[in-house]
Amino acid sequence: MSHKHKAKIEKLFEHPVSGNIDVHKLIKALEHYGIEVENTKKNKLRLLFSGEQELFLPLPHGDHLSRDEVVRLRHWLEEIGLTPDTLD
């Protein structure tokens, strides 16, 4: 199953930015790599890594993240060191 999670993370780093990333599958992939994901009362996803670094993303109305949110998530993943090159 790990290859599916890796492929989902790799998709975040594609150029041009994908607008077709399923949030539910992405959440599973992020959790697989040690990121805590929770829904807040304000309809946002709270992503937490190592208990310190966090990011809030608005939940989309559909099942897919917007391109802007994909870029924000990509930058945050780069900050915490979770990039396609570092995945096992």
Protein backbone atom coordinates (compact mmCIF):
# COMPACT_ATOMS: atom_id res chain seq x y z
CA MET A 1 0.00 0.00 0.00
CA SER A 2 2.97 2.30 0.60
CA HIS A 3 3.48 2.82 -3.13
CA LYS A 4 0.00 4.37 -3.37
CA HIS A 5 0.81 6.77 -0.54
CA LYS A 6 4.12 7.68 -2.16
CA ALA A 7 2.39 8.30 -5.50
CA LYS A 8 -0.13 10.63 -3.81
CA ILE A 9 2.69 12.70 -2.23
CA GLU A 10 4.56 12.77 -5.54
CA LYS A 11 1.44 14.12 -7.24
CA LEU A 12 1.61 17.18 -4.96
CA PHE A 13 5.00 18.02 -6.42
CA GLU A 14 4.08 17.65 -10.12
CA HIS A 15 4.40 20.55 -12.53
CA PRO A 16 2.01 21.99 -13.53
CA VAL A 17 0.17 21.89 -10.21
CA SER A 18 -2.57 19.30 -10.19
CA GLY A 19 -6.11 20.35 -9.39
CA ASN A 20 -7.24 16.75 -9.14
CA ILE A 21 -5.98 15.60 -5.73
CA ASP A 22 -8.55 13.67 -3.71
CA VAL A 23 -8.52 14.97 -0.14
CA HIS A 24 -9.51 11.67 1.49
CA LYS A 25 -6.73 9.71 -0.21
CA LEU A 26 -4.27 12.50 0.53
CA ILE A 27 -5.17 12.39 4.24
CA LYS A 28 -4.41 8.66 4.33
CA ALA A 29 -1.05 9.25 2.65
CA LEU A 30 -0.12 12.07 5.04
CA GLU A 31 -1.04 9.93 8.05
CA HIS A 32 1.05 7.09 6.65
CA TYR A 33 4.10 9.40 6.76
CA GLY A 34 3.52 10.48 10.35
CA ILE A 35 1.44 13.64 9.95
CA GLU A 36 -1.47 13.99 12.34
CA VAL A 37 -4.63 15.16 10.57
CA GLU A 38 -7.75 16.43 12.31
CA ASN A 39 -10.87 18.33 11.29
CA THR A 40 -11.35 21.55 13.21
CA LYS A 41 -14.64 23.14 14.19
CA LYS A 42 -14.02 25.83 11.57
CA ASN A 43 -14.16 23.30 8.71
CA LYS A 44 -10.40 23.16 8.24
CA LEU A 45 -7.85 20.41 8.23
CA ARG A 46 -5.17 20.80 10.88
CA LEU A 47 -1.95 19.07 9.85
CA LEU A 48 0.60 18.53 12.61
CA PHE A 49 4.10 17.12 12.24
CA SER A 50 6.26 16.15 15.22
CA GLY A 51 3.90 17.96 17.55
CA GLU A 52 5.31 21.33 16.49
CA GLN A 53 4.93 22.28 12.86
CA GLU A 54 1.34 22.76 11.77
CA LEU A 55 -0.64 23.90 8.78
CA PHE A 56 -4.33 24.68 8.46
CA LEU A 57 -6.04 24.00 5.13
CA PRO A 58 -9.68 24.83 4.40
CA LEU A 59 -11.69 21.74 3.57
CA PRO A 60 -12.85 21.91 -0.04
CA HIS A 61 -16.53 21.85 -0.90
CA GLY A 62 -15.90 18.91 -3.20
CA ASP A 63 -13.37 16.13 -2.87
CA HIS A 64 -10.37 17.95 -4.37
CA LEU A 65 -7.94 20.59 -3.13
CA SER A 66 -7.60 23.82 -5.06
CA ARG A 67 -4.31 24.50 -6.84
CA ASP A 68 -3.51 27.26 -4.32
CA GLU A 69 -3.95 24.86 -1.42
CA VAL A 70 -1.80 22.24 -3.17
CA VAL A 71 0.99 24.82 -3.47
CA ARG A 72 0.66 25.78 0.22
CA LEU A 73 0.77 22.12 1.22
CA ARG A 74 3.75 21.47 -1.05
CA HIS A 75 5.73 24.31 0.56
CA TRP A 76 4.87 23.07 4.04
CA LEU A 77 5.94 19.53 3.16
CA GLU A 78 9.24 20.90 1.86
CA GLU A 79 9.73 22.74 5.18
CA ILE A 80 9.27 19.55 7.20
CA GLY A 81 11.41 17.52 4.81
CA LEU A 82 8.74 15.31 3.28
CA THR A 83 9.43 15.41 -0.45
CA PRO A 84 9.38 12.69 -3.12
CA ASP A 85 13.18 12.38 -2.79
CA THR A 86 12.95 11.58 0.94
CA LEU A 87 10.13 9.00 0.77
CA ASP A 88 10.93 5.34 1.29
